[in-house]
Protein backbone atom coordinates (compact mmCIF):
# COMPACT_ATOMS: atom_id res chain seq x y z
CA UNK A 1 0.00 0.00 0.00
CA UNK A 2 1.32 3.43 -0.91
CA UNK A 3 -0.19 6.88 -0.37
CA UNK A 4 -0.26 10.17 1.49
CA UNK A 5 -2.09 10.59 4.78
CA UNK A 6 -2.88 13.24 7.38
CA UNK A 7 -3.21 12.83 11.13
CA UNK A 8 -4.11 15.44 13.73
CA UNK A 9 -2.33 15.40 17.09
CA UNK A 10 -3.19 18.23 19.45
CA UNK A 11 -2.67 21.41 17.45
CA UNK A 12 -0.39 19.68 14.92
CA UNK A 13 -1.27 18.39 11.48
CA UNK A 14 1.14 15.72 10.25
CA UNK A 15 1.35 14.87 6.54
CA UNK A 16 3.11 11.61 5.79
CA UNK A 17 3.55 9.01 3.06
CA UNK A 18 3.48 5.26 3.44
CA UNK A 19 5.67 3.40 0.96
CA UNK A 20 5.72 -0.36 1.55
CA UNK A 21 7.11 -0.68 5.09
CA UNK A 22 8.59 2.84 5.29
CA UNK A 23 6.85 5.96 6.61
CA UNK A 24 8.11 9.36 5.41
CA UNK A 25 6.99 12.41 7.41
CA UNK A 26 6.75 15.34 4.99
CA UNK A 27 5.25 18.09 7.08
CA UNK A 28 4.33 18.92 10.67
CA UNK A 29 2.36 22.17 10.88
CA UNK A 30 0.13 23.96 13.39
CA UNK A 31 -3.56 23.36 12.58
CA UNK A 32 -4.22 27.09 13.03
CA UNK A 33 -1.97 27.83 10.04
CA UNK A 34 -3.29 28.01 6.49
CA UNK A 35 -2.21 24.73 4.92
CA UNK A 36 -2.71 25.96 1.34
CA UNK A 37 -0.33 28.89 1.94
CA UNK A 38 2.28 26.63 3.50
CA UNK A 39 2.11 24.12 0.64
CA UNK A 40 2.32 26.91 -1.96
CA UNK A 41 5.39 28.40 -0.25
CA UNK A 42 7.06 24.98 -0.19
CA UNK A 43 6.21 24.39 -3.84
CA UNK A 44 7.57 27.74 -4.97
CA UNK A 45 10.41 27.90 -2.35
CA UNK A 46 9.28 31.32 -1.10
PDB file of N, CA and C in Angstrom:
ATOM      1  N   UNK A   1       0.841  -1.181   0.000  1.00  0.00           N
ATOM      2  CA  UNK A   1       0.000   0.000   0.000  1.00  0.00           C
ATOM      3  C   UNK A   1       0.881   1.237   0.000  1.00  0.00           C
ATOM      4  N   UNK A   2       0.529   2.220  -0.796  1.00  0.00           N
ATOM      5  CA  UNK A   2       1.318   3.430  -0.912  1.00  0.00           C
ATOM      6  C   UNK A   2       0.394   4.625  -1.045  1.00  0.00           C
ATOM      7  N   UNK A   3       0.639   5.691  -0.272  1.00  0.00           N
ATOM      8  CA  UNK A   3      -0.190   6.878  -0.369  1.00  0.00           C
ATOM      9  C   UNK A   3       0.167   7.910   0.673  1.00  0.00           C
ATOM     10  N   UNK A   4      -0.473   9.078   0.547  1.00  0.00           N
ATOM     11  CA  UNK A   4      -0.264  10.172   1.492  1.00  0.00           C
ATOM     12  C   UNK A   4      -1.417  10.213   2.482  1.00  0.00           C
ATOM     13  N   UNK A   5      -1.089  10.562   3.727  1.00  0.00           N
ATOM     14  CA  UNK A   5      -2.095  10.585   4.777  1.00  0.00           C
ATOM     15  C   UNK A   5      -1.890  11.798   5.663  1.00  0.00           C
ATOM     16  N   UNK A   6      -2.931  12.122   6.431  1.00  0.00           N
ATOM     17  CA  UNK A   6      -2.883  13.235   7.382  1.00  0.00           C
ATOM     18  C   UNK A   6      -3.401  12.735   8.706  1.00  0.00           C
ATOM     19  N   UNK A   7      -2.747  13.153   9.784  1.00  0.00           N
ATOM     20  CA  UNK A   7      -3.214  12.831  11.128  1.00  0.00           C
ATOM     21  C   UNK A   7      -3.129  14.110  11.957  1.00  0.00           C
ATOM     22  N   UNK A   8      -4.102  14.299  12.832  1.00  0.00           N
ATOM     23  CA  UNK A   8      -4.114  15.443  13.733  1.00  0.00           C
ATOM     24  C   UNK A   8      -3.708  14.976  15.119  1.00  0.00           C
ATOM     25  N   UNK A   9      -2.782  15.717  15.740  1.00  0.00           N
ATOM     26  CA  UNK A   9      -2.326  15.404  17.088  1.00  0.00           C
ATOM     27  C   UNK A   9      -2.223  16.711  17.859  1.00  0.00           C
ATOM     28  N   UNK A  10      -3.161  16.947  18.743  1.00  0.00           N
ATOM     29  CA  UNK A  10      -3.194  18.227  19.449  1.00  0.00           C
ATOM     30  C   UNK A  10      -3.436  19.344  18.459  1.00  0.00           C
ATOM     31  N   UNK A  11      -2.533  20.324  18.426  1.00  0.00           N
ATOM     32  CA  UNK A  11      -2.671  21.414  17.453  1.00  0.00           C
ATOM     33  C   UNK A  11      -1.761  21.200  16.243  1.00  0.00           C
ATOM     34  N   UNK A  12      -1.276  19.989  16.045  1.00  0.00           N
ATOM     35  CA  UNK A  12      -0.394  19.685  14.919  1.00  0.00           C
ATOM     36  C   UNK A  12      -1.104  18.857  13.862  1.00  0.00           C
ATOM     37  N   UNK A  13      -0.815  19.186  12.627  1.00  0.00           N
ATOM     38  CA  UNK A  13      -1.272  18.394  11.478  1.00  0.00           C
ATOM     39  C   UNK A  13      -0.019  17.761  10.899  1.00  0.00           C
ATOM     40  N   UNK A  14      -0.030  16.454  10.744  1.00  0.00           N
ATOM     41  CA  UNK A  14       1.137  15.723  10.252  1.00  0.00           C
ATOM     42  C   UNK A  14       0.776  15.092   8.914  1.00  0.00           C
ATOM     43  N   UNK A  15       1.543  15.425   7.887  1.00  0.00           N
ATOM     44  CA  UNK A  15       1.349  14.865   6.543  1.00  0.00           C
ATOM     45  C   UNK A  15       2.475  13.864   6.321  1.00  0.00           C
ATOM     46  N   UNK A  16       2.100  12.647   5.969  1.00  0.00           N
ATOM     47  CA  UNK A  16       3.115  11.611   5.790  1.00  0.00           C
ATOM     48  C   UNK A  16       2.741  10.697   4.631  1.00  0.00           C
ATOM     49  N   UNK A  17       3.725   9.950   4.162  1.00  0.00           N
ATOM     50  CA  UNK A  17       3.548   9.012   3.058  1.00  0.00           C
ATOM     51  C   UNK A  17       3.952   7.630   3.523  1.00  0.00           C
ATOM     52  N   UNK A  18       3.156   6.652   3.151  1.00  0.00           N
ATOM     53  CA  UNK A  18       3.482   5.256   3.442  1.00  0.00           C
ATOM     54  C   UNK A  18       3.923   4.614   2.133  1.00  0.00           C
ATOM     55  N   UNK A  19       5.108   4.053   2.141  1.00  0.00           N
ATOM     56  CA  UNK A  19       5.669   3.396   0.957  1.00  0.00           C
ATOM     57  C   UNK A  19       6.178   2.030   1.399  1.00  0.00           C
ATOM     58  N   UNK A  20       5.419   0.997   1.086  1.00  0.00           N
ATOM     59  CA  UNK A  20       5.716  -0.360   1.546  1.00  0.00           C
ATOM     60  C   UNK A  20       5.793  -0.372   3.077  1.00  0.00           C
ATOM     61  N   UNK A  21       6.963  -0.619   3.637  1.00  0.00           N
ATOM     62  CA  UNK A  21       7.108  -0.682   5.092  1.00  0.00           C
ATOM     63  C   UNK A  21       7.768   0.567   5.675  1.00  0.00           C
ATOM     64  N   UNK A  22       7.931   1.612   4.859  1.00  0.00           N
ATOM     65  CA  UNK A  22       8.594   2.836   5.291  1.00  0.00           C
ATOM     66  C   UNK A  22       7.595   3.977   5.374  1.00  0.00           C
ATOM     67  N   UNK A  23       7.697   4.778   6.435  1.00  0.00           N
ATOM     68  CA  UNK A  23       6.852   5.956   6.607  1.00  0.00           C
ATOM     69  C   UNK A  23       7.736   7.187   6.502  1.00  0.00           C
ATOM     70  N   UNK A  24       7.377   8.115   5.604  1.00  0.00           N
ATOM     71  CA  UNK A  24       8.106   9.362   5.411  1.00  0.00           C
ATOM     72  C   UNK A  24       7.236  10.509   5.913  1.00  0.00           C
ATOM     73  N   UNK A  25       7.712  11.245   6.913  1.00  0.00           N
ATOM     74  CA  UNK A  25       6.989  12.414   7.411  1.00  0.00           C
ATOM     75  C   UNK A  25       7.419  13.603   6.559  1.00  0.00           C
ATOM     76  N   UNK A  26       6.444  14.223   5.886  1.00  0.00           N
ATOM     77  CA  UNK A  26       6.751  15.338   4.986  1.00  0.00           C
ATOM     78  C   UNK A  26       6.538  16.695   5.628  1.00  0.00           C
ATOM     79  N   UNK A  27       5.575  16.783   6.539  1.00  0.00           N
ATOM     80  CA  UNK A  27       5.246  18.095   7.076  1.00  0.00           C
ATOM     81  C   UNK A  27       4.578  17.961   8.436  1.00  0.00           C
ATOM     82  N   UNK A  28       5.005  18.774   9.382  1.00  0.00           N
ATOM     83  CA  UNK A  28       4.325  18.919  10.667  1.00  0.00           C
ATOM     84  C   UNK A  28       4.029  20.406  10.801  1.00  0.00           C
ATOM     85  N   UNK A  29       2.742  20.760  10.884  1.00  0.00           N
ATOM     86  CA  UNK A  29       2.355  22.167  10.884  1.00  0.00           C
ATOM     87  C   UNK A  29       1.218  22.390  11.873  1.00  0.00           C
ATOM     88  N   UNK A  30       1.186  23.571  12.451  1.00  0.00           N
ATOM     89  CA  UNK A  30       0.126  23.956  13.387  1.00  0.00           C
ATOM     90  C   UNK A  30      -1.206  23.984  12.646  1.00  0.00           C
ATOM     91  N   UNK A  31      -2.241  23.418  13.240  1.00  0.00           N
ATOM     92  CA  UNK A  31      -3.557  23.356  12.584  1.00  0.00           C
ATOM     93  C   UNK A  31      -4.173  24.742  12.421  1.00  0.00           C
ATOM     94  N   UNK A  32      -3.690  25.723  13.160  1.00  0.00           N
ATOM     95  CA  UNK A  32      -4.218  27.089  13.031  1.00  0.00           C
ATOM     96  C   UNK A  32      -3.620  27.813  11.835  1.00  0.00           C
ATOM     97  N   UNK A  33      -2.601  27.244  11.219  1.00  0.00           N
ATOM     98  CA  UNK A  33      -1.970  27.829  10.040  1.00  0.00           C
ATOM     99  C   UNK A  33      -2.759  27.457   8.791  1.00  0.00           C
ATOM    100  N   UNK A  34      -2.625  28.273   7.755  1.00  0.00           N
ATOM    101  CA  UNK A  34      -3.292  28.013   6.490  1.00  0.00           C
ATOM    102  C   UNK A  34      -2.458  27.009   5.693  1.00  0.00           C
ATOM    103  N   UNK A  35      -2.959  25.802   5.576  1.00  0.00           N
ATOM    104  CA  UNK A  35      -2.205  24.728   4.923  1.00  0.00           C
ATOM    105  C   UNK A  35      -1.948  25.032   3.455  1.00  0.00           C
ATOM    106  N   UNK A  36      -2.909  25.625   2.757  1.00  0.00           N
ATOM    107  CA  UNK A  36      -2.708  25.957   1.338  1.00  0.00           C
ATOM    108  C   UNK A  36      -1.543  26.920   1.159  1.00  0.00           C
ATOM    109  N   UNK A  37      -1.445  27.931   2.019  1.00  0.00           N
ATOM    110  CA  UNK A  37      -0.335  28.886   1.935  1.00  0.00           C
ATOM    111  C   UNK A  37       0.999  28.194   2.185  1.00  0.00           C
ATOM    112  N   UNK A  38       1.038  27.335   3.170  1.00  0.00           N
ATOM    113  CA  UNK A  38       2.276  26.625   3.503  1.00  0.00           C
ATOM    114  C   UNK A  38       2.715  25.736   2.347  1.00  0.00           C
ATOM    115  N   UNK A  39       1.775  25.002   1.767  1.00  0.00           N
ATOM    116  CA  UNK A  39       2.115  24.119   0.643  1.00  0.00           C
ATOM    117  C   UNK A  39       2.565  24.921  -0.574  1.00  0.00           C
ATOM    118  N   UNK A  40       1.918  26.066  -0.829  1.00  0.00           N
ATOM    119  CA  UNK A  40       2.319  26.914  -1.958  1.00  0.00           C
ATOM    120  C   UNK A  40       3.729  27.456  -1.751  1.00  0.00           C
ATOM    121  N   UNK A  41       4.038  27.893  -0.531  1.00  0.00           N
ATOM    122  CA  UNK A  41       5.389  28.398  -0.246  1.00  0.00           C
ATOM    123  C   UNK A  41       6.439  27.318  -0.447  1.00  0.00           C
ATOM    124  N   UNK A  42       6.120  26.097  -0.008  1.00  0.00           N
ATOM    125  CA  UNK A  42       7.062  24.980  -0.185  1.00  0.00           C
ATOM    126  C   UNK A  42       7.249  24.644  -1.662  1.00  0.00           C
ATOM    127  N   UNK A  43       6.150  24.711  -2.411  1.00  0.00           N
ATOM    128  CA  UNK A  43       6.210  24.393  -3.840  1.00  0.00           C
ATOM    129  C   UNK A  43       7.059  25.404  -4.596  1.00  0.00           C
ATOM    130  N   UNK A  44       6.885  26.678  -4.257  1.00  0.00           N
ATOM    131  CA  UNK A  44       7.572  27.744  -4.974  1.00  0.00           C
ATOM    132  C   UNK A  44       8.828  28.226  -4.248  1.00  0.00           C
ATOM    133  N   UNK A  45       9.194  27.581  -3.124  1.00  0.00           N
ATOM    134  CA  UNK A  45      10.409  27.901  -2.349  1.00  0.00           C
ATOM    135  C   UNK A  45      10.457  29.369  -1.967  1.00  0.00           C
ATOM    136  N   UNK A  46       9.353  29.913  -1.507  1.00  0.00           N
ATOM    137  CA  UNK A  46       9.282  31.321  -1.104  1.00  0.00           C
ATOM    138  C   UNK A  46       9.694  31.442   0.342  1.00  0.00           C
TER     139      UNK A  46
END
